[in-house]
Amino acid sequence: MLDITVGYLLGKTEDDTLFKDPVMLKRLKELNKLPNSDKEHILYALDGLLQNVKAKQTYS
């Protein structure tokens, strides 16, 4: 087994460890099972949290 992602092989990402974390994969699978409206709400909230953290890092 190559132990790399398809995205890495296709040149879509430089990060060869992307999506190897089993906990994150489990979360993504659970998220994918939800109705689209619920997914949209969760991703909207997650995007806001990520933006907040990035802003803190930028101004720290």
PDB file of N, CA and C in Angstrom:
ATOM      1  N   MET A   1       0.843  -1.180   0.000  1.00  0.00           N
ATOM      2  CA  MET A   1       0.000   0.000   0.000  1.00  0.00           C
ATOM      3  C   MET A   1       0.890   1.247   0.000  1.00  0.00           C
ATOM      4  N   LEU A   2       0.523   2.234  -0.778  1.00  0.00           N
ATOM      5  CA  LEU A   2       1.326   3.443  -0.900  1.00  0.00           C
ATOM      6  C   LEU A   2       1.184   4.386   0.280  1.00  0.00           C
ATOM      7  N   ASP A   3       0.068   4.288   1.003  1.00  0.00           N
ATOM      8  CA  ASP A   3      -0.181   5.137   2.166  1.00  0.00           C
ATOM      9  C   ASP A   3      -0.206   6.617   1.818  1.00  0.00           C
ATOM     10  N   ILE A   4      -0.788   6.942   0.646  1.00  0.00           N
ATOM     11  CA  ILE A   4      -1.021   8.332   0.251  1.00  0.00           C
ATOM     12  C   ILE A   4      -2.425   8.453  -0.299  1.00  0.00           C
ATOM     13  N   THR A   5      -2.903   9.672  -0.418  1.00  0.00           N
ATOM     14  CA  THR A   5      -4.268   9.880  -0.871  1.00  0.00           C
ATOM     15  C   THR A   5      -4.331  10.004  -2.391  1.00  0.00           C
ATOM     16  N   VAL A   6      -5.528   9.804  -2.924  1.00  0.00           N
ATOM     17  CA  VAL A   6      -5.754   9.979  -4.351  1.00  0.00           C
ATOM     18  C   VAL A   6      -5.511  11.437  -4.736  1.00  0.00           C
ATOM     19  N   GLY A   7      -5.953  12.356  -3.900  1.00  0.00           N
ATOM     20  CA  GLY A   7      -5.739  13.776  -4.158  1.00  0.00           C
ATOM     21  C   GLY A   7      -4.272  14.115  -4.309  1.00  0.00           C
ATOM     22  N   TYR A   8      -3.451  13.517  -3.492  1.00  0.00           N
ATOM     23  CA  TYR A   8      -2.011  13.739  -3.585  1.00  0.00           C
ATOM     24  C   TYR A   8      -1.474  13.180  -4.899  1.00  0.00           C
ATOM     25  N   LEU A   9      -1.914  11.991  -5.262  1.00  0.00           N
ATOM     26  CA  LEU A   9      -1.458  11.382  -6.508  1.00  0.00           C
ATOM     27  C   LEU A   9      -1.876  12.197  -7.728  1.00  0.00           C
ATOM     28  N   LEU A  10      -3.049  12.813  -7.650  1.00  0.00           N
ATOM     29  CA  LEU A  10      -3.551  13.599  -8.772  1.00  0.00           C
ATOM     30  C   LEU A  10      -3.036  15.037  -8.751  1.00  0.00           C
ATOM     31  N   GLY A  11      -2.218  15.361  -7.765  1.00  0.00           N
ATOM     32  CA  GLY A  11      -1.665  16.708  -7.690  1.00  0.00           C
ATOM     33  C   GLY A  11      -2.637  17.739  -7.149  1.00  0.00           C
ATOM     34  N   LYS A  12      -3.705  17.295  -6.524  1.00  0.00           N
ATOM     35  CA  LYS A  12      -4.716  18.209  -5.984  1.00  0.00           C
ATOM     36  C   LYS A  12      -4.273  18.814  -4.665  1.00  0.00           C
ATOM     37  N   THR A  13      -3.340  18.181  -3.984  1.00  0.00           N
ATOM     38  CA  THR A  13      -2.881  18.665  -2.686  1.00  0.00           C
ATOM     39  C   THR A  13      -1.398  18.352  -2.517  1.00  0.00           C
ATOM     40  N   GLU A  14      -0.732  19.200  -1.795  1.00  0.00           N
ATOM     41  CA  GLU A  14       0.673  18.965  -1.462  1.00  0.00           C
ATOM     42  C   GLU A  14       0.785  18.137  -0.180  1.00  0.00           C
ATOM     43  N   ASP A  15      -0.297  18.085   0.581  1.00  0.00           N
ATOM     44  CA  ASP A  15      -0.305  17.426   1.888  1.00  0.00           C
ATOM     45  C   ASP A  15      -0.593  15.938   1.717  1.00  0.00           C
ATOM     46  N   ASP A  16       0.433  15.100   1.831  1.00  0.00           N
ATOM     47  CA  ASP A  16       0.234  13.668   1.640  1.00  0.00           C
ATOM     48  C   ASP A  16      -0.392  12.990   2.855  1.00  0.00           C
ATOM     49  N   THR A  17      -0.640  13.722   3.929  1.00  0.00           N
ATOM     50  CA  THR A  17      -1.277  13.135   5.105  1.00  0.00           C
ATOM     51  C   THR A  17      -2.746  13.528   5.209  1.00  0.00           C
ATOM     52  N   LEU A  18      -3.236  14.288   4.247  1.00  0.00           N
ATOM     53  CA  LEU A  18      -4.622  14.738   4.258  1.00  0.00           C
ATOM     54  C   LEU A  18      -5.568  13.540   4.288  1.00  0.00           C
ATOM     55  N   PHE A  19      -6.515  13.567   5.176  1.00  0.00           N
ATOM     56  CA  PHE A  19      -7.550  12.540   5.330  1.00  0.00           C
ATOM     57  C   PHE A  19      -7.019  11.191   5.785  1.00  0.00           C
ATOM     58  N   LYS A  20      -5.871  11.160   6.419  1.00  0.00           N
ATOM     59  CA  LYS A  20      -5.374   9.903   6.979  1.00  0.00           C
ATOM     60  C   LYS A  20      -5.762   9.744   8.439  1.00  0.00           C
ATOM     61  N   ASP A  21      -6.197  10.832   9.059  1.00  0.00           N
ATOM     62  CA  ASP A  21      -6.591  10.789  10.467  1.00  0.00           C
ATOM     63  C   ASP A  21      -7.922  10.038  10.584  1.00  0.00           C
ATOM     64  N   PRO A  22      -7.925   8.865  11.226  1.00  0.00           N
ATOM     65  CA  PRO A  22      -9.147   8.066  11.302  1.00  0.00           C
ATOM     66  C   PRO A  22     -10.299   8.779  12.007  1.00  0.00           C
ATOM     67  N   VAL A  23     -10.001   9.616  12.974  1.00  0.00           N
ATOM     68  CA  VAL A  23     -11.060  10.346  13.681  1.00  0.00           C
ATOM     69  C   VAL A  23     -11.722  11.351  12.739  1.00  0.00           C
ATOM     70  N   MET A  24     -10.909  12.061  11.943  1.00  0.00           N
ATOM     71  CA  MET A  24     -11.462  13.017  10.991  1.00  0.00           C
ATOM     72  C   MET A  24     -12.245  12.298   9.894  1.00  0.00           C
ATOM     73  N   LEU A  25     -11.739  11.171   9.443  1.00  0.00           N
ATOM     74  CA  LEU A  25     -12.469  10.397   8.436  1.00  0.00           C
ATOM     75  C   LEU A  25     -13.820   9.949   8.955  1.00  0.00           C
ATOM     76  N   LYS A  26     -13.857   9.514  10.202  1.00  0.00           N
ATOM     77  CA  LYS A  26     -15.125   9.092  10.806  1.00  0.00           C
ATOM     78  C   LYS A  26     -16.097  10.262  10.851  1.00  0.00           C
ATOM     79  N   ARG A  27     -15.610  11.431  11.240  1.00  0.00           N
ATOM     80  CA  ARG A  27     -16.464  12.622  11.294  1.00  0.00           C
ATOM     81  C   ARG A  27     -16.996  12.985   9.919  1.00  0.00           C
ATOM     82  N   LEU A  28     -16.136  12.923   8.916  1.00  0.00           N
ATOM     83  CA  LEU A  28     -16.570  13.254   7.560  1.00  0.00           C
ATOM     84  C   LEU A  28     -17.615  12.261   7.052  1.00  0.00           C
ATOM     85  N   LYS A  29     -17.434  10.997   7.378  1.00  0.00           N
ATOM     86  CA  LYS A  29     -18.421   9.988   6.976  1.00  0.00           C
ATOM     87  C   LYS A  29     -19.754  10.234   7.657  1.00  0.00           C
ATOM     88  N   GLU A  30     -19.719  10.588   8.937  1.00  0.00           N
ATOM     89  CA  GLU A  30     -20.954  10.890   9.660  1.00  0.00           C
ATOM     90  C   GLU A  30     -21.624  12.125   9.075  1.00  0.00           C
ATOM     91  N   LEU A  31     -20.833  13.130   8.771  1.00  0.00           N
ATOM     92  CA  LEU A  31     -21.359  14.355   8.174  1.00  0.00           C
ATOM     93  C   LEU A  31     -21.996  14.050   6.827  1.00  0.00           C
ATOM     94  N   ASN A  32     -21.368  13.212   6.050  1.00  0.00           N
ATOM     95  CA  ASN A  32     -21.865  12.889   4.719  1.00  0.00           C
ATOM     96  C   ASN A  32     -23.212  12.176   4.749  1.00  0.00           C
ATOM     97  N   LYS A  33     -23.532  11.509   5.843  1.00  0.00           N
ATOM     98  CA  LYS A  33     -24.795  10.784   5.973  1.00  0.00           C
ATOM     99  C   LYS A  33     -25.969  11.709   6.295  1.00  0.00           C
ATOM    100  N   LEU A  34     -25.689  12.936   6.715  1.00  0.00           N
ATOM    101  CA  LEU A  34     -26.734  13.863   7.128  1.00  0.00           C
ATOM    102  C   LEU A  34     -27.463  14.454   5.927  1.00  0.00           C
ATOM    103  N   PRO A  35     -28.692  14.929   6.164  1.00  0.00           N
ATOM    104  CA  PRO A  35     -29.391  15.651   5.088  1.00  0.00           C
ATOM    105  C   PRO A  35     -28.595  16.899   4.688  1.00  0.00           C
ATOM    106  N   ASN A  36     -28.727  17.299   3.430  1.00  0.00           N
ATOM    107  CA  ASN A  36     -27.957  18.426   2.907  1.00  0.00           C
ATOM    108  C   ASN A  36     -28.115  19.695   3.730  1.00  0.00           C
ATOM    109  N   SER A  37     -29.318  19.982   4.196  1.00  0.00           N
ATOM    110  CA  SER A  37     -29.518  21.215   4.967  1.00  0.00           C
ATOM    111  C   SER A  37     -28.716  21.186   6.271  1.00  0.00           C
ATOM    112  N   ASP A  38     -28.661  20.033   6.910  1.00  0.00           N
ATOM    113  CA  ASP A  38     -27.871  19.908   8.136  1.00  0.00           C
ATOM    114  C   ASP A  38     -26.379  20.045   7.831  1.00  0.00           C
ATOM    115  N   LYS A  39     -25.933  19.422   6.741  1.00  0.00           N
ATOM    116  CA  LYS A  39     -24.527  19.538   6.341  1.00  0.00           C
ATOM    117  C   LYS A  39     -24.167  21.002   6.094  1.00  0.00           C
ATOM    118  N   GLU A  40     -25.035  21.707   5.390  1.00  0.00           N
ATOM    119  CA  GLU A  40     -24.770  23.110   5.086  1.00  0.00           C
ATOM    120  C   GLU A  40     -24.619  23.935   6.360  1.00  0.00           C
ATOM    121  N   HIS A  41     -25.482  23.701   7.340  1.00  0.00           N
ATOM    122  CA  HIS A  41     -25.414  24.439   8.602  1.00  0.00           C
ATOM    123  C   HIS A  41     -24.127  24.124   9.359  1.00  0.00           C
ATOM    124  N   ILE A  42     -23.776  22.867   9.414  1.00  0.00           N
ATOM    125  CA  ILE A  42     -22.552  22.465  10.122  1.00  0.00           C
ATOM    126  C   ILE A  42     -21.324  23.042   9.434  1.00  0.00           C
ATOM    127  N   LEU A  43     -21.270  22.959   8.113  1.00  0.00           N
ATOM    128  CA  LEU A  43     -20.120  23.483   7.380  1.00  0.00           C
ATOM    129  C   LEU A  43     -20.036  25.007   7.482  1.00  0.00           C
ATOM    130  N   TYR A  44     -21.187  25.674   7.519  1.00  0.00           N
ATOM    131  CA  TYR A  44     -21.199  27.129   7.691  1.00  0.00           C
ATOM    132  C   TYR A  44     -20.588  27.498   9.049  1.00  0.00           C
ATOM    133  N   ALA A  45     -21.003  26.777  10.087  1.00  0.00           N
ATOM    134  CA  ALA A  45     -20.470  27.037  11.426  1.00  0.00           C
ATOM    135  C   ALA A  45     -18.972  26.707  11.473  1.00  0.00           C
ATOM    136  N   LEU A  46     -18.577  25.619  10.874  1.00  0.00           N
ATOM    137  CA  LEU A  46     -17.170  25.226  10.849  1.00  0.00           C
ATOM    138  C   LEU A  46     -16.328  26.260  10.101  1.00  0.00           C
ATOM    139  N   ASP A  47     -16.829  26.727   8.968  1.00  0.00           N
ATOM    140  CA  ASP A  47     -16.113  27.759   8.213  1.00  0.00           C
ATOM    141  C   ASP A  47     -15.914  29.015   9.050  1.00  0.00           C
ATOM    142  N   GLY A  48     -16.944  29.393   9.815  1.00  0.00           N
ATOM    143  CA  GLY A  48     -16.826  30.558  10.686  1.00  0.00           C
ATOM    144  C   GLY A  48     -15.777  30.366  11.764  1.00  0.00           C
ATOM    145  N   LEU A  49     -15.749  29.198  12.355  1.00  0.00           N
ATOM    146  CA  LEU A  49     -14.752  28.903  13.380  1.00  0.00           C
ATOM    147  C   LEU A  49     -13.340  28.903  12.802  1.00  0.00           C
ATOM    148  N   LEU A  50     -13.175  28.309  11.632  1.00  0.00           N
ATOM    149  CA  LEU A  50     -11.865  28.296  10.986  1.00  0.00           C
ATOM    150  C   LEU A  50     -11.398  29.710  10.641  1.00  0.00           C
ATOM    151  N   GLN A  51     -12.314  30.519  10.155  1.00  0.00           N
ATOM    152  CA  GLN A  51     -11.979  31.909   9.827  1.00  0.00           C
ATOM    153  C   GLN A  51     -11.546  32.669  11.071  1.00  0.00           C
ATOM    154  N   ASN A  52     -12.217  32.422  12.179  1.00  0.00           N
ATOM    155  CA  ASN A  52     -11.877  33.070  13.446  1.00  0.00           C
ATOM    156  C   ASN A  52     -10.471  32.681  13.897  1.00  0.00           C
ATOM    157  N   VAL A  53     -10.151  31.410  13.821  1.00  0.00           N
ATOM    158  CA  VAL A  53      -8.822  30.934  14.223  1.00  0.00           C
ATOM    159  C   VAL A  53      -7.743  31.520  13.321  1.00  0.00           C
ATOM    160  N   LYS A  54      -7.997  31.557  12.017  1.00  0.00           N
ATOM    161  CA  LYS A  54      -7.023  32.136  11.084  1.00  0.00           C
ATOM    162  C   LYS A  54      -6.785  33.608  11.372  1.00  0.00           C
ATOM    163  N   ALA A  55      -7.859  34.320  11.691  1.00  0.00           N
ATOM    164  CA  ALA A  55      -7.723  35.744  12.007  1.00  0.00           C
ATOM    165  C   ALA A  55      -6.897  35.934  13.279  1.00  0.00           C
ATOM    166  N   LYS A  56      -7.140  35.107  14.282  1.00  0.00           N
ATOM    167  CA  LYS A  56      -6.361  35.181  15.517  1.00  0.00           C
ATOM    168  C   LYS A  56      -4.885  34.918  15.242  1.00  0.00           C
ATOM    169  N   GLN A  57      -4.589  33.943  14.401  1.00  0.00           N
ATOM    170  CA  GLN A  57      -3.212  33.605  14.060  1.00  0.00           C
ATOM    171  C   GLN A  57      -2.546  34.752  13.301  1.00  0.00           C
ATOM    172  N   THR A  58      -3.294  35.384  12.436  1.00  0.00           N
ATOM    173  CA  THR A  58      -2.747  36.483  11.642  1.00  0.00           C
ATOM    174  C   THR A  58      -2.393  37.677  12.499  1.00  0.00           C
ATOM    175  N   TYR A  59      -3.241  37.977  13.484  1.00  0.00           N
ATOM    176  CA  TYR A  59      -3.058  39.181  14.284  1.00  0.00           C
ATOM    177  C   TYR A  59      -2.351  38.920  15.598  1.00  0.00           C
ATOM    178  N   SER A  60      -1.861  37.718  15.793  1.00  0.00           N
ATOM    179  CA  SER A  60      -1.133  37.399  17.043  1.00  0.00           C
ATOM    180  C   SER A  60       0.330  37.713  16.924  1.00  0.00           C
TER     181      SER A  60
END
